[in-house]
Structures are given as structure tokens and as C-alpha cells.
Amino acid sequence: MARIKYYYDTESCKYERIKVTTWDVVLNLLGFFSVSLIISVIIVILFSTYFESPKEMLLEKDNQELKIYYELLEKELTDLNSMMAALQKRDDNVYRVIFEAEPIPSTIRMAGTGGTDRYKNILESNLVNEELVIESLKKVDQLKRQMYIQTKSYDEILQMARNKSKLLAATPAIQPVSNQSLTRLASGYGMRIHPILKYKRMHFGCDFTAPRGTPIYATGDGVIERVIMNFGGYGRQIIIRHGFGYKTLYAHMQDIEVKVGAKVKRGDKIGTVGNTGLSTAPHLHYEVLKDGQKVNPVNYFFMDLNDTEYEKILELASIENQSLS
């Protein structure tokens, strides 16, 4: 039941009943709702300022988890970069040093992977943390680039290792005749007295004295390039092409047991010692050529000699005596 209101009329000195119009009711209601709305807005603002909504709390939790995962990702990238740096250092300072190869320039190792167009889709998506995402992607792309270059480097090193193995097999690294007592080296590389002309001239090889029929061995893997039968000069001789710029010559032979084009291994018998051509006694004249230049064969007798024996051979080869051819 609505409460009836009165007011005191000073003129009539009586209490008169207040008459409430419809407009008064509407205004009162509007005023009530306005005040209620203002109070509600204030309450909502205060609540949202000092208290989080369930949705905001969930988003905050998701952000915290994403931050943790991002930090873990950053740590993983840092660790991977450290590992890659260690591999690059070992590659340049160990593997490439062993195979006498130049290190890969840092400008190639750290080459870029593209401009901002590479991340255009991410920029257009308007992510809240797009800078963090793009920065991480740049690090991943850089790491992928370094890994690719490192992989190509290992492929190159593997090929160098294979070539190194072939090079070691092809190098003329033993004496061409059995010389365990080190007494068969009669004359070495250098200026020597010619046995017929009787004056000093350059002797481009080593002379090994040995009886006729003494086996002669290939000093490295190769292919028989030439078989020469002369009555003068070096007489019967063989030239072996070893590859990698190496060739060896075996002269004054008695028997030749190989043909042109035949493949030989280090230590294979290719013929016997003789006294053919301009020779004063049975012996083998042996030469080593590197890139077309005749070099001192003694420098290559390292595989079948120990340190003491090698020093002895060097001493014998340095004596300026008379050559045998």
C-alpha cells in the first residue's frame, strides 16, 4: 500500500495531501535509475581496477606460461648457438688445419637470411608480441643458415679426407729397392761428377747399387705412363704417373714386368735392376718429379725408415761423389 504524504500549508494552517503526478513518478524513477547506474559504473570501475576478472586471470596465466616457454626457447637457442660456435671453431682450427685448407670466412658463416619481407605475414597479423616472435624467428633462421654452411663444410672436409688418403697412397714414400742395410745408396741428388764426362753436372736422382736381377718396386700407387727401351741415356726405363702432380722414373733396368696403362700399388714389383744405357755398373737410377719439376727423392724416403735411418740416408745422399749415370 502506497504511503500517503502531506505538507503543511502556512496560509491555511492545515496539512494538505501531496498530489503525485505521473510526471513526478517518471522523474523519480529516472533519478533513481541514473543514480543506480552511476553507482554501478563506479563499482565496476573500482572492481576492474583492483580485481581481475576470471577471463583476465586466465589470460594472465596464459601469458605467464608463454613467457616461461619463450625464456626456455631463448635458452635453447643460446645453447645451440654456443654448440654451433664450438663446431665452427673446431672446423676452422682443427679439421681444416689438418687438411691444409683455408677457414671459412665469418662473413659467409654469418650471412643474412633475408629482409623484413620474410616476416611480412607476421607483421600483417598485428600480434601483440610480434617483435619477440620475429626476433626469435630471425635467430632460428640464422642458426639454420649456419647449420647449412657447416654441413657443406663437413662435406668438403670429407672429400678432403678422401683425397688425403689417396694422396698418401700416391706419394712416392719408400725406397725403390730393398735397402735395409742402407749401403745401396751410391749417389744422391745434386751436383755430382759424371762417370763418363768426368766433370760436375746436376744429378737429378738417386743411384742405388744392386746386382742384376734385384727387384725394383713402385714407390707409390699409380699408373704406368711410359715404358722406354733405349740403348743410350737411361736405357730401359719406366715412368709411373701417381697423380697429385707426382711422377717417378726408374732407369737402367734389365727386365720390365709391367705394361703401359697398368695400375700398380706401392711395393709392387715392376722390374729388375740392370746396366742398360749409359751406365758404368748395375744400378737403379731413380727420380721423383713434382708438378713437372725434378726434386730430391731422399726427401720422400720416410715410410720405410725410422728417424735414425732417415738421418743416415740424408748423410749418404749429401756426399758429393761420382754418380753411376
C-alpha atoms as a PDB file:
ATOM      1  CA  MET A   1       0.000   0.000   0.000  1.00  0.00           C
ATOM      2  CA  ALA A   2       1.477   3.326  -1.099  1.00  0.00           C
ATOM      3  CA  ARG A   3       2.397   5.715   1.652  1.00  0.00           C
ATOM      4  CA  ILE A   4       0.338   8.941   1.621  1.00  0.00           C
ATOM      5  CA  LYS A   5       2.389  12.130   2.052  1.00  0.00           C
ATOM      6  CA  TYR A   6       1.256  15.525   3.352  1.00  0.00           C
ATOM      7  CA  TYR A   7       2.688  19.014   3.542  1.00  0.00           C
ATOM      8  CA  TYR A   8       1.851  21.927   5.890  1.00  0.00           C
ATOM      9  CA  ASP A   9       0.156  24.876   4.213  1.00  0.00           C
ATOM     10  CA  THR A  10       1.119  28.059   6.089  1.00  0.00           C
ATOM     11  CA  GLU A  11      -1.719  30.030   4.620  1.00  0.00           C
ATOM     12  CA  SER A  12      -4.488  27.709   5.674  1.00  0.00           C
ATOM     13  CA  CYS A  13      -2.546  26.374   8.655  1.00  0.00           C
ATOM     14  CA  LYS A  14      -3.569  22.892   7.639  1.00  0.00           C
ATOM     15  CA  TYR A  15      -1.836  19.731   6.394  1.00  0.00           C
ATOM     16  CA  GLU A  16      -2.617  19.246   2.806  1.00  0.00           C
ATOM     17  CA  ARG A  17      -2.217  15.979   0.950  1.00  0.00           C
ATOM     18  CA  ILE A  18       0.583  15.927  -1.654  1.00  0.00           C
ATOM     19  CA  LYS A  19      -0.735  15.097  -5.036  1.00  0.00           C
ATOM     20  CA  VAL A  20       1.746  12.998  -7.052  1.00  0.00           C
ATOM     21  CA  THR A  21       1.510  13.297 -10.822  1.00  0.00           C
ATOM     22  CA  THR A  22       2.622  10.722 -13.366  1.00  0.00           C
ATOM     23  CA  TRP A  23       5.452  13.028 -14.446  1.00  0.00           C
ATOM     24  CA  ASP A  24       6.713  13.163 -10.858  1.00  0.00           C
ATOM     25  CA  VAL A  25       6.815   9.383 -10.766  1.00  0.00           C
ATOM     26  CA  VAL A  26       8.694   9.251 -14.040  1.00  0.00           C
ATOM     27  CA  LEU A  27      11.237  11.813 -12.875  1.00  0.00           C
ATOM     28  CA  ASN A  28      11.730   9.983  -9.598  1.00  0.00           C
ATOM     29  CA  LEU A  29      12.281   6.724 -11.418  1.00  0.00           C
ATOM     30  CA  LEU A  30      14.688   8.347 -13.831  1.00  0.00           C
ATOM     31  CA  GLY A  31      16.599   9.883 -10.988  1.00  0.00           C
ATOM     32  CA  PHE A  32      16.753   6.545  -9.178  1.00  0.00           C
ATOM     33  CA  PHE A  33      17.984   4.691 -12.215  1.00  0.00           C
ATOM     34  CA  SER A  34      20.515   7.408 -13.020  1.00  0.00           C
ATOM     35  CA  VAL A  35      21.969   7.296  -9.535  1.00  0.00           C
ATOM     36  CA  SER A  36      21.966   3.487  -9.621  1.00  0.00           C
ATOM     37  CA  LEU A  37      23.723   3.479 -12.988  1.00  0.00           C
ATOM     38  CA  ILE A  38      26.381   5.899 -11.806  1.00  0.00           C
ATOM     39  CA  ILE A  39      26.994   3.897  -8.676  1.00  0.00           C
ATOM     40  CA  SER A  40      27.153   0.680 -10.727  1.00  0.00           C
ATOM     41  CA  VAL A  41      29.682   2.180 -13.143  1.00  0.00           C
ATOM     42  CA  ILE A  42      31.808   3.379 -10.245  1.00  0.00           C
ATOM     43  CA  ILE A  43      31.657  -0.071  -8.649  1.00  0.00           C
ATOM     44  CA  VAL A  44      32.593  -1.781 -11.931  1.00  0.00           C
ATOM     45  CA  ILE A  45      35.497   0.601 -12.490  1.00  0.00           C
ATOM     46  CA  LEU A  46      36.774   0.098  -8.967  1.00  0.00           C
ATOM     47  CA  PHE A  47      36.372  -3.666  -9.237  1.00  0.00           C
ATOM     48  CA  SER A  48      38.085  -3.895 -12.619  1.00  0.00           C
ATOM     49  CA  THR A  49      40.893  -1.678 -11.363  1.00  0.00           C
ATOM     50  CA  TYR A  50      41.699  -3.630  -8.232  1.00  0.00           C
ATOM     51  CA  PHE A  51      40.358  -7.074  -9.083  1.00  0.00           C
ATOM     52  CA  GLU A  52      40.837  -9.287 -12.152  1.00  0.00           C
ATOM     53  CA  SER A  53      38.016 -10.979 -13.934  1.00  0.00           C
ATOM     54  CA  PRO A  54      38.127 -14.770 -14.486  1.00  0.00           C
ATOM     55  CA  LYS A  55      38.889 -14.179 -18.181  1.00  0.00           C
ATOM     56  CA  GLU A  56      41.695 -11.774 -17.351  1.00  0.00           C
ATOM     57  CA  MET A  57      43.076 -14.191 -14.811  1.00  0.00           C
ATOM     58  CA  LEU A  58      43.060 -16.936 -17.449  1.00  0.00           C
ATOM     59  CA  LEU A  59      44.780 -14.670 -19.975  1.00  0.00           C
ATOM     60  CA  GLU A  60      47.338 -13.645 -17.374  1.00  0.00           C
ATOM     61  CA  LYS A  61      48.058 -17.291 -16.652  1.00  0.00           C
ATOM     62  CA  ASP A  62      48.459 -17.985 -20.372  1.00  0.00           C
ATOM     63  CA  ASN A  63      50.819 -15.027 -20.707  1.00  0.00           C
ATOM     64  CA  GLN A  64      52.919 -16.251 -17.808  1.00  0.00           C
ATOM     65  CA  GLU A  65      53.180 -19.699 -19.370  1.00  0.00           C
ATOM     66  CA  LEU A  66      54.076 -18.212 -22.757  1.00  0.00           C
ATOM     67  CA  LYS A  67      56.740 -16.104 -21.092  1.00  0.00           C
ATOM     68  CA  ILE A  68      58.239 -19.197 -19.461  1.00  0.00           C
ATOM     69  CA  TYR A  69      58.213 -21.087 -22.770  1.00  0.00           C
ATOM     70  CA  TYR A  70      59.758 -18.102 -24.549  1.00  0.00           C
ATOM     71  CA  GLU A  71      62.543 -17.925 -21.966  1.00  0.00           C
ATOM     72  CA  LEU A  72      63.155 -21.663 -22.397  1.00  0.00           C
ATOM     73  CA  LEU A  73      63.243 -21.211 -26.167  1.00  0.00           C
ATOM     74  CA  GLU A  74      65.711 -18.355 -25.817  1.00  0.00           C
ATOM     75  CA  LYS A  75      67.919 -20.538 -23.611  1.00  0.00           C
ATOM     76  CA  GLU A  76      67.759 -23.379 -26.119  1.00  0.00           C
ATOM     77  CA  LEU A  77      68.717 -21.022 -28.949  1.00  0.00           C
ATOM     78  CA  THR A  78      71.585 -19.654 -26.890  1.00  0.00           C
ATOM     79  CA  ASP A  79      72.843 -23.178 -26.145  1.00  0.00           C
ATOM     80  CA  LEU A  80      72.521 -24.189 -29.807  1.00  0.00           C
ATOM     81  CA  ASN A  81      74.449 -21.091 -30.892  1.00  0.00           C
ATOM     82  CA  SER A  82      77.183 -21.963 -28.386  1.00  0.00           C
ATOM     83  CA  MET A  83      77.367 -25.506 -29.744  1.00  0.00           C
ATOM     84  CA  MET A  84      77.463 -24.196 -33.310  1.00  0.00           C
ATOM     85  CA  ALA A  85      80.259 -21.782 -32.396  1.00  0.00           C
ATOM     86  CA  ALA A  86      82.245 -24.688 -30.904  1.00  0.00           C
ATOM     87  CA  LEU A  87      81.748 -26.747 -34.085  1.00  0.00           C
ATOM     88  CA  GLN A  88      82.824 -23.805 -36.240  1.00  0.00           C
ATOM     89  CA  LYS A  89      85.920 -23.252 -34.100  1.00  0.00           C
ATOM     90  CA  ARG A  90      86.861 -26.940 -34.294  1.00  0.00           C
ATOM     91  CA  ASP A  91      86.187 -26.904 -38.030  1.00  0.00           C
ATOM     92  CA  ASP A  92      88.475 -23.916 -38.669  1.00  0.00           C
ATOM     93  CA  ASN A  93      91.211 -24.661 -36.120  1.00  0.00           C
ATOM     94  CA  VAL A  94      91.422 -28.460 -36.259  1.00  0.00           C
ATOM     95  CA  TYR A  95      89.913 -30.142 -39.289  1.00  0.00           C
ATOM     96  CA  ARG A  96      90.876 -27.521 -41.853  1.00  0.00           C
ATOM     97  CA  VAL A  97      94.352 -27.173 -40.371  1.00  0.00           C
ATOM     98  CA  ILE A  98      94.890 -30.938 -40.726  1.00  0.00           C
ATOM     99  CA  PHE A  99      93.940 -30.827 -44.397  1.00  0.00           C
ATOM    100  CA  GLU A 100      95.725 -27.512 -45.030  1.00  0.00           C
ATOM    101  CA  ALA A 101      92.514 -25.760 -46.073  1.00  0.00           C
ATOM    102  CA  GLU A 102      91.577 -22.131 -45.537  1.00  0.00           C
ATOM    103  CA  PRO A 103      88.995 -21.473 -42.782  1.00  0.00           C
ATOM    104  CA  ILE A 104      85.531 -20.327 -43.826  1.00  0.00           C
ATOM    105  CA  PRO A 105      85.281 -16.502 -43.573  1.00  0.00           C
ATOM    106  CA  SER A 106      82.994 -15.201 -40.848  1.00  0.00           C
ATOM    107  CA  THR A 107      81.175 -13.090 -43.446  1.00  0.00           C
ATOM    108  CA  ILE A 108      79.988 -16.311 -45.077  1.00  0.00           C
ATOM    109  CA  ARG A 109      79.208 -18.095 -41.814  1.00  0.00           C
ATOM    110  CA  MET A 110      77.112 -15.149 -40.546  1.00  0.00           C
ATOM    111  CA  ALA A 111      75.403 -14.361 -43.856  1.00  0.00           C
ATOM    112  CA  GLY A 112      71.886 -12.929 -43.601  1.00  0.00           C
ATOM    113  CA  THR A 113      68.692 -14.779 -44.474  1.00  0.00           C
ATOM    114  CA  GLY A 114      66.521 -12.020 -45.984  1.00  0.00           C
ATOM    115  CA  GLY A 115      64.860  -8.700 -45.141  1.00  0.00           C
ATOM    116  CA  THR A 116      61.600  -7.773 -43.428  1.00  0.00           C
ATOM    117  CA  ASP A 117      59.558  -9.183 -46.317  1.00  0.00           C
ATOM    118  CA  ARG A 118      60.420 -12.600 -44.964  1.00  0.00           C
ATOM    119  CA  TYR A 119      58.230 -11.863 -41.927  1.00  0.00           C
ATOM    120  CA  LYS A 120      55.553  -9.876 -43.744  1.00  0.00           C
ATOM    121  CA  ASN A 121      52.742 -12.238 -42.764  1.00  0.00           C
ATOM    122  CA  ILE A 122      53.576 -11.893 -39.085  1.00  0.00           C
ATOM    123  CA  LEU A 123      53.735  -8.102 -39.321  1.00  0.00           C
ATOM    124  CA  GLU A 124      50.347  -8.018 -41.013  1.00  0.00           C
ATOM    125  CA  SER A 125      48.754 -10.226 -38.357  1.00  0.00           C
ATOM    126  CA  ASN A 126      49.214  -7.471 -35.709  1.00  0.00           C
ATOM    127  CA  LEU A 127      50.325  -9.778 -32.937  1.00  0.00           C
ATOM    128  CA  VAL A 128      50.696  -8.225 -29.509  1.00  0.00           C
ATOM    129  CA  ASN A 129      54.266  -9.537 -29.135  1.00  0.00           C
ATOM    130  CA  GLU A 130      55.218  -9.633 -32.802  1.00  0.00           C
ATOM    131  CA  GLU A 131      58.707  -8.206 -32.102  1.00  0.00           C
ATOM    132  CA  LEU A 132      59.535 -11.128 -29.809  1.00  0.00           C
ATOM    133  CA  VAL A 133      58.231 -13.628 -32.340  1.00  0.00           C
ATOM    134  CA  ILE A 134      60.130 -12.052 -35.238  1.00  0.00           C
ATOM    135  CA  GLU A 135      63.329 -11.811 -33.193  1.00  0.00           C
ATOM    136  CA  SER A 136      63.120 -15.499 -32.302  1.00  0.00           C
ATOM    137  CA  LEU A 137      62.454 -16.443 -35.925  1.00  0.00           C
ATOM    138  CA  LYS A 138      65.473 -14.419 -37.012  1.00  0.00           C
ATOM    139  CA  LYS A 139      67.666 -16.332 -34.578  1.00  0.00           C
ATOM    140  CA  VAL A 140      66.262 -19.647 -35.801  1.00  0.00           C
ATOM    141  CA  ASP A 141      66.827 -18.660 -39.438  1.00  0.00           C
ATOM    142  CA  GLN A 142      70.373 -17.554 -38.661  1.00  0.00           C
ATOM    143  CA  LEU A 143      71.068 -20.844 -36.900  1.00  0.00           C
ATOM    144  CA  LYS A 144      69.629 -22.806 -39.825  1.00  0.00           C
ATOM    145  CA  ARG A 145      71.888 -20.864 -42.180  1.00  0.00           C
ATOM    146  CA  GLN A 146      74.956 -21.606 -40.051  1.00  0.00           C
ATOM    147  CA  MET A 147      73.996 -25.280 -39.826  1.00  0.00           C
ATOM    148  CA  TYR A 148      73.680 -25.467 -43.617  1.00  0.00           C
ATOM    149  CA  ILE A 149      77.093 -23.881 -44.134  1.00  0.00           C
ATOM    150  CA  GLN A 150      78.615 -26.177 -41.508  1.00  0.00           C
ATOM    151  CA  THR A 151      77.089 -29.208 -43.217  1.00  0.00           C
ATOM    152  CA  LYS A 152      78.602 -28.135 -46.550  1.00  0.00           C
ATOM    153  CA  SER A 153      81.915 -27.608 -44.782  1.00  0.00           C
ATOM    154  CA  TYR A 154      81.849 -31.158 -43.398  1.00  0.00           C
ATOM    155  CA  ASP A 155      81.064 -32.457 -46.897  1.00  0.00           C
ATOM    156  CA  GLU A 156      84.128 -30.589 -48.134  1.00  0.00           C
ATOM    157  CA  ILE A 157      86.278 -31.924 -45.292  1.00  0.00           C
ATOM    158  CA  LEU A 158      85.072 -35.468 -46.016  1.00  0.00           C
ATOM    159  CA  GLN A 159      86.134 -35.047 -49.634  1.00  0.00           C
ATOM    160  CA  MET A 160      89.485 -33.646 -48.499  1.00  0.00           C
ATOM    161  CA  ALA A 161      89.920 -36.660 -46.190  1.00  0.00           C
ATOM    162  CA  ARG A 162      89.262 -38.999 -49.092  1.00  0.00           C
ATOM    163  CA  ASN A 163      91.715 -37.063 -51.259  1.00  0.00           C
ATOM    164  CA  LYS A 164      94.225 -37.046 -48.408  1.00  0.00           C
ATOM    165  CA  SER A 165      94.042 -40.831 -48.218  1.00  0.00           C
ATOM    166  CA  LYS A 166      94.568 -41.062 -51.975  1.00  0.00           C
ATOM    167  CA  LEU A 167      97.408 -38.517 -51.752  1.00  0.00           C
ATOM    168  CA  LEU A 168      99.188 -40.516 -49.045  1.00  0.00           C
ATOM    169  CA  ALA A 169      98.842 -43.682 -51.125  1.00  0.00           C
ATOM    170  CA  ALA A 170     100.126 -41.938 -54.260  1.00  0.00           C
ATOM    171  CA  THR A 171     103.107 -40.195 -52.637  1.00  0.00           C
ATOM    172  CA  PRO A 172     106.378 -41.995 -53.564  1.00  0.00           C
ATOM    173  CA  ALA A 173     107.288 -42.655 -49.955  1.00  0.00           C
ATOM    174  CA  ILE A 174     109.592 -45.710 -49.963  1.00  0.00           C
ATOM    175  CA  GLN A 175     112.932 -46.665 -51.499  1.00  0.00           C
ATOM    176  CA  PRO A 176     112.622 -48.370 -54.891  1.00  0.00           C
ATOM    177  CA  VAL A 177     114.902 -51.267 -53.911  1.00  0.00           C
ATOM    178  CA  SER A 178     115.318 -53.178 -50.682  1.00  0.00           C
ATOM    179  CA  ASN A 179     117.956 -51.315 -48.666  1.00  0.00           C
ATOM    180  CA  GLN A 180     117.711 -52.458 -45.082  1.00  0.00           C
ATOM    181  CA  SER A 181     121.438 -52.140 -44.500  1.00  0.00           C
ATOM    182  CA  LEU A 182     121.437 -48.596 -46.010  1.00  0.00           C
ATOM    183  CA  THR A 183     124.507 -49.476 -48.144  1.00  0.00           C
ATOM    184  CA  ARG A 184     122.960 -49.358 -51.600  1.00  0.00           C
ATOM    185  CA  LEU A 185     122.582 -45.576 -51.958  1.00  0.00           C
ATOM    186  CA  ALA A 186     125.668 -44.785 -54.070  1.00  0.00           C
ATOM    187  CA  SER A 187     124.944 -41.223 -55.185  1.00  0.00           C
ATOM    188  CA  GLY A 188     122.365 -38.632 -54.262  1.00  0.00           C
ATOM    189  CA  TYR A 189     120.596 -35.626 -55.753  1.00  0.00           C
ATOM    190  CA  GLY A 190     122.740 -32.582 -56.588  1.00  0.00           C
ATOM    191  CA  MET A 191     125.990 -31.661 -58.312  1.00  0.00           C
ATOM    192  CA  ARG A 192     127.938 -34.863 -58.998  1.00  0.00           C
ATOM    193  CA  ILE A 193     130.877 -35.944 -61.174  1.00  0.00           C
ATOM    194  CA  HIS A 194     129.574 -37.644 -64.313  1.00  0.00           C
ATOM    195  CA  PRO A 195     131.151 -41.114 -64.656  1.00  0.00           C
ATOM    196  CA  ILE A 196     131.841 -40.714 -68.387  1.00  0.00           C
ATOM    197  CA  LEU A 197     132.215 -36.975 -68.938  1.00  0.00           C
ATOM    198  CA  LYS A 198     134.285 -36.585 -65.741  1.00  0.00           C
ATOM    199  CA  TYR A 199     133.001 -33.152 -64.740  1.00  0.00           C
ATOM    200  CA  LYS A 200     130.393 -31.951 -62.328  1.00  0.00           C
ATOM    201  CA  ARG A 201     126.843 -31.699 -63.568  1.00  0.00           C
ATOM    202  CA  MET A 202     123.426 -31.805 -61.995  1.00  0.00           C
ATOM    203  CA  HIS A 203     122.362 -35.291 -60.958  1.00  0.00           C
ATOM    204  CA  PHE A 204     118.557 -35.251 -60.757  1.00  0.00           C
ATOM    205  CA  GLY A 205     118.024 -38.520 -58.906  1.00  0.00           C
ATOM    206  CA  CYS A 206     119.471 -41.181 -56.620  1.00  0.00           C
ATOM    207  CA  ASP A 207     121.603 -44.138 -57.716  1.00  0.00           C
ATOM    208  CA  PHE A 208     121.119 -47.463 -55.904  1.00  0.00           C
ATOM    209  CA  THR A 209     123.777 -50.115 -56.476  1.00  0.00           C
ATOM    210  CA  ALA A 210     122.446 -53.670 -56.655  1.00  0.00           C
ATOM    211  CA  PRO A 211     123.203 -56.890 -58.532  1.00  0.00           C
ATOM    212  CA  ARG A 212     121.451 -57.528 -61.824  1.00  0.00           C
ATOM    213  CA  GLY A 213     118.019 -59.019 -61.260  1.00  0.00           C
ATOM    214  CA  THR A 214     117.420 -57.238 -57.921  1.00  0.00           C
ATOM    215  CA  PRO A 215     113.667 -56.426 -57.691  1.00  0.00           C
ATOM    216  CA  ILE A 216     112.556 -52.847 -58.255  1.00  0.00           C
ATOM    217  CA  TYR A 217     109.359 -51.698 -56.538  1.00  0.00           C
ATOM    218  CA  ALA A 218     106.839 -48.959 -57.262  1.00  0.00           C
ATOM    219  CA  THR A 219     107.237 -46.327 -54.556  1.00  0.00           C
ATOM    220  CA  GLY A 220     103.579 -45.221 -54.627  1.00  0.00           C
ATOM    221  CA  ASP A 221     100.219 -46.075 -56.147  1.00  0.00           C
ATOM    222  CA  GLY A 222      99.901 -45.045 -59.767  1.00  0.00           C
ATOM    223  CA  VAL A 223      99.593 -45.926 -63.427  1.00  0.00           C
ATOM    224  CA  ILE A 224     102.414 -46.925 -65.786  1.00  0.00           C
ATOM    225  CA  GLU A 225     102.662 -43.904 -68.073  1.00  0.00           C
ATOM    226  CA  ARG A 226     105.646 -44.857 -70.246  1.00  0.00           C
ATOM    227  CA  VAL A 227     107.897 -47.835 -70.914  1.00  0.00           C
ATOM    228  CA  ILE A 228     111.028 -46.759 -72.790  1.00  0.00           C
ATOM    229  CA  MET A 229     113.622 -49.003 -74.427  1.00  0.00           C
ATOM    230  CA  ASN A 230     116.803 -47.024 -75.213  1.00  0.00           C
ATOM    231  CA  PHE A 231     120.314 -48.190 -75.977  1.00  0.00           C
ATOM    232  CA  GLY A 232     121.791 -44.950 -74.662  1.00  0.00           C
ATOM    233  CA  GLY A 233     120.887 -42.483 -71.939  1.00  0.00           C
ATOM    234  CA  TYR A 234     118.754 -44.089 -69.248  1.00  0.00           C
ATOM    235  CA  GLY A 235     118.443 -47.375 -71.159  1.00  0.00           C
ATOM    236  CA  ARG A 236     115.345 -49.356 -70.239  1.00  0.00           C
ATOM    237  CA  GLN A 237     113.150 -47.203 -68.070  1.00  0.00           C
ATOM    238  CA  ILE A 238     109.660 -46.812 -66.633  1.00  0.00           C
ATOM    239  CA  ILE A 239     107.707 -43.664 -65.738  1.00  0.00           C
ATOM    240  CA  ILE A 240     104.827 -44.007 -63.274  1.00  0.00           C
ATOM    241  CA  ARG A 241     102.150 -41.315 -63.005  1.00  0.00           C
ATOM    242  CA  HIS A 242     100.948 -41.231 -59.391  1.00  0.00           C
ATOM    243  CA  GLY A 243      98.565 -38.284 -59.563  1.00  0.00           C
ATOM    244  CA  PHE A 244      98.548 -35.152 -57.391  1.00  0.00           C
ATOM    245  CA  GLY A 245     101.439 -33.882 -59.541  1.00  0.00           C
ATOM    246  CA  TYR A 246     103.776 -36.815 -58.732  1.00  0.00           C
ATOM    247  CA  LYS A 247     105.720 -38.955 -61.219  1.00  0.00           C
ATOM    248  CA  THR A 248     108.636 -41.348 -60.677  1.00  0.00           C
ATOM    249  CA  LEU A 249     111.270 -42.577 -63.109  1.00  0.00           C
ATOM    250  CA  TYR A 250     113.179 -45.890 -62.876  1.00  0.00           C
ATOM    251  CA  ALA A 251     116.165 -46.173 -65.264  1.00  0.00           C
ATOM    252  CA  HIS A 252     118.875 -48.644 -66.429  1.00  0.00           C
ATOM    253  CA  MET A 253     116.528 -51.575 -65.802  1.00  0.00           C
ATOM    254  CA  GLN A 254     117.207 -55.095 -67.013  1.00  0.00           C
ATOM    255  CA  ASP A 255     113.676 -56.538 -67.048  1.00  0.00           C
ATOM    256  CA  ILE A 256     110.406 -54.630 -67.207  1.00  0.00           C
ATOM    257  CA  GLU A 257     107.441 -56.557 -65.855  1.00  0.00           C
ATOM    258  CA  VAL A 258     104.610 -54.049 -66.420  1.00  0.00           C
ATOM    259  CA  LYS A 259     102.879 -52.528 -69.444  1.00  0.00           C
ATOM    260  CA  VAL A 260     101.701 -49.024 -70.216  1.00  0.00           C
ATOM    261  CA  GLY A 261      98.332 -48.321 -68.569  1.00  0.00           C
ATOM    262  CA  ALA A 262      98.762 -50.935 -65.833  1.00  0.00           C
ATOM    263  CA  LYS A 263      97.804 -49.875 -62.306  1.00  0.00           C
ATOM    264  CA  VAL A 264     100.331 -50.515 -59.564  1.00  0.00           C
ATOM    265  CA  LYS A 265     100.339 -50.240 -55.792  1.00  0.00           C
ATOM    266  CA  ARG A 266     103.159 -49.120 -53.568  1.00  0.00           C
ATOM    267  CA  GLY A 267     105.501 -52.076 -53.121  1.00  0.00           C
ATOM    268  CA  ASP A 268     104.501 -53.864 -56.367  1.00  0.00           C
ATOM    269  CA  LYS A 269     107.423 -55.290 -58.323  1.00  0.00           C
ATOM    270  CA  ILE A 270     107.783 -53.526 -61.677  1.00  0.00           C
ATOM    271  CA  GLY A 271     111.099 -54.946 -62.924  1.00  0.00           C
ATOM    272  CA  THR A 272     114.708 -55.665 -62.015  1.00  0.00           C
ATOM    273  CA  VAL A 273     117.993 -53.774 -61.728  1.00  0.00           C
ATOM    274  CA  GLY A 274     120.203 -53.764 -64.827  1.00  0.00           C
ATOM    275  CA  ASN A 275     123.042 -51.966 -66.547  1.00  0.00           C
ATOM    276  CA  THR A 276     121.399 -50.661 -69.710  1.00  0.00           C
ATOM    277  CA  GLY A 277     122.072 -47.326 -71.392  1.00  0.00           C
ATOM    278  CA  LEU A 278     124.959 -45.094 -70.337  1.00  0.00           C
ATOM    279  CA  SER A 279     125.691 -46.899 -67.085  1.00  0.00           C
ATOM    280  CA  THR A 280     129.033 -47.824 -65.561  1.00  0.00           C
ATOM    281  CA  ALA A 281     127.741 -50.583 -63.279  1.00  0.00           C
ATOM    282  CA  PRO A 282     124.481 -52.386 -62.435  1.00  0.00           C
ATOM    283  CA  HIS A 283     122.338 -49.934 -60.569  1.00  0.00           C
ATOM    284  CA  LEU A 284     118.958 -48.189 -60.496  1.00  0.00           C
ATOM    285  CA  HIS A 285     118.721 -44.501 -61.262  1.00  0.00           C
ATOM    286  CA  TYR A 286     115.577 -43.203 -59.532  1.00  0.00           C
ATOM    287  CA  GLU A 287     113.917 -39.786 -59.928  1.00  0.00           C
ATOM    288  CA  VAL A 288     110.876 -38.055 -58.383  1.00  0.00           C
ATOM    289  CA  LEU A 289     109.019 -35.305 -60.244  1.00  0.00           C
ATOM    290  CA  LYS A 290     106.537 -32.955 -58.559  1.00  0.00           C
ATOM    291  CA  ASP A 291     104.434 -30.752 -60.829  1.00  0.00           C
ATOM    292  CA  GLY A 292     106.909 -31.324 -63.650  1.00  0.00           C
ATOM    293  CA  GLN A 293     109.979 -30.392 -61.588  1.00  0.00           C
ATOM    294  CA  LYS A 294     112.629 -32.921 -60.579  1.00  0.00           C
ATOM    295  CA  VAL A 295     113.017 -32.930 -56.788  1.00  0.00           C
ATOM    296  CA  ASN A 296     115.254 -34.695 -54.297  1.00  0.00           C
ATOM    297  CA  PRO A 297     113.940 -38.278 -53.897  1.00  0.00           C
ATOM    298  CA  VAL A 298     115.559 -38.625 -50.470  1.00  0.00           C
ATOM    299  CA  ASN A 299     113.003 -36.227 -49.025  1.00  0.00           C
ATOM    300  CA  TYR A 300     110.322 -38.851 -49.693  1.00  0.00           C
ATOM    301  CA  PHE A 301     112.006 -41.904 -48.099  1.00  0.00           C
ATOM    302  CA  PHE A 302     110.020 -41.516 -44.867  1.00  0.00           C
ATOM    303  CA  MET A 303     107.700 -44.519 -44.820  1.00  0.00           C
ATOM    304  CA  ASP A 304     110.195 -47.393 -44.628  1.00  0.00           C
ATOM    305  CA  LEU A 305     112.806 -45.674 -42.433  1.00  0.00           C
ATOM    306  CA  ASN A 306     112.916 -44.682 -38.783  1.00  0.00           C
ATOM    307  CA  ASP A 307     114.408 -41.367 -37.671  1.00  0.00           C
ATOM    308  CA  THR A 308     117.947 -42.701 -37.290  1.00  0.00           C
ATOM    309  CA  GLU A 309     117.888 -44.477 -40.645  1.00  0.00           C
ATOM    310  CA  TYR A 310     116.468 -41.417 -42.357  1.00  0.00           C
ATOM    311  CA  GLU A 311     119.256 -39.237 -40.969  1.00  0.00           C
ATOM    312  CA  LYS A 312     121.786 -41.790 -42.227  1.00  0.00           C
ATOM    313  CA  ILE A 313     120.269 -41.776 -45.726  1.00  0.00           C
ATOM    314  CA  LEU A 314     120.330 -37.962 -45.775  1.00  0.00           C
ATOM    315  CA  GLU A 315     124.016 -38.041 -44.807  1.00  0.00           C
ATOM    316  CA  LEU A 316     124.894 -40.555 -47.526  1.00  0.00           C
ATOM    317  CA  ALA A 317     122.913 -38.682 -50.181  1.00  0.00           C
ATOM    318  CA  SER A 318     124.679 -35.406 -49.400  1.00  0.00           C
ATOM    319  CA  ILE A 319     128.180 -36.759 -50.226  1.00  0.00           C
ATOM    320  CA  GLU A 320     129.419 -35.182 -53.472  1.00  0.00           C
ATOM    321  CA  ASN A 321     130.855 -38.255 -55.139  1.00  0.00           C
ATOM    322  CA  GLN A 322     130.667 -39.669 -58.645  1.00  0.00           C
ATOM    323  CA  SER A 323     127.329 -40.729 -59.978  1.00  0.00           C
ATOM    324  CA  LEU A 324     126.859 -44.022 -61.827  1.00  0.00           C
ATOM    325  CA  SER A 325     124.991 -42.473 -64.759  1.00  0.00           C
END
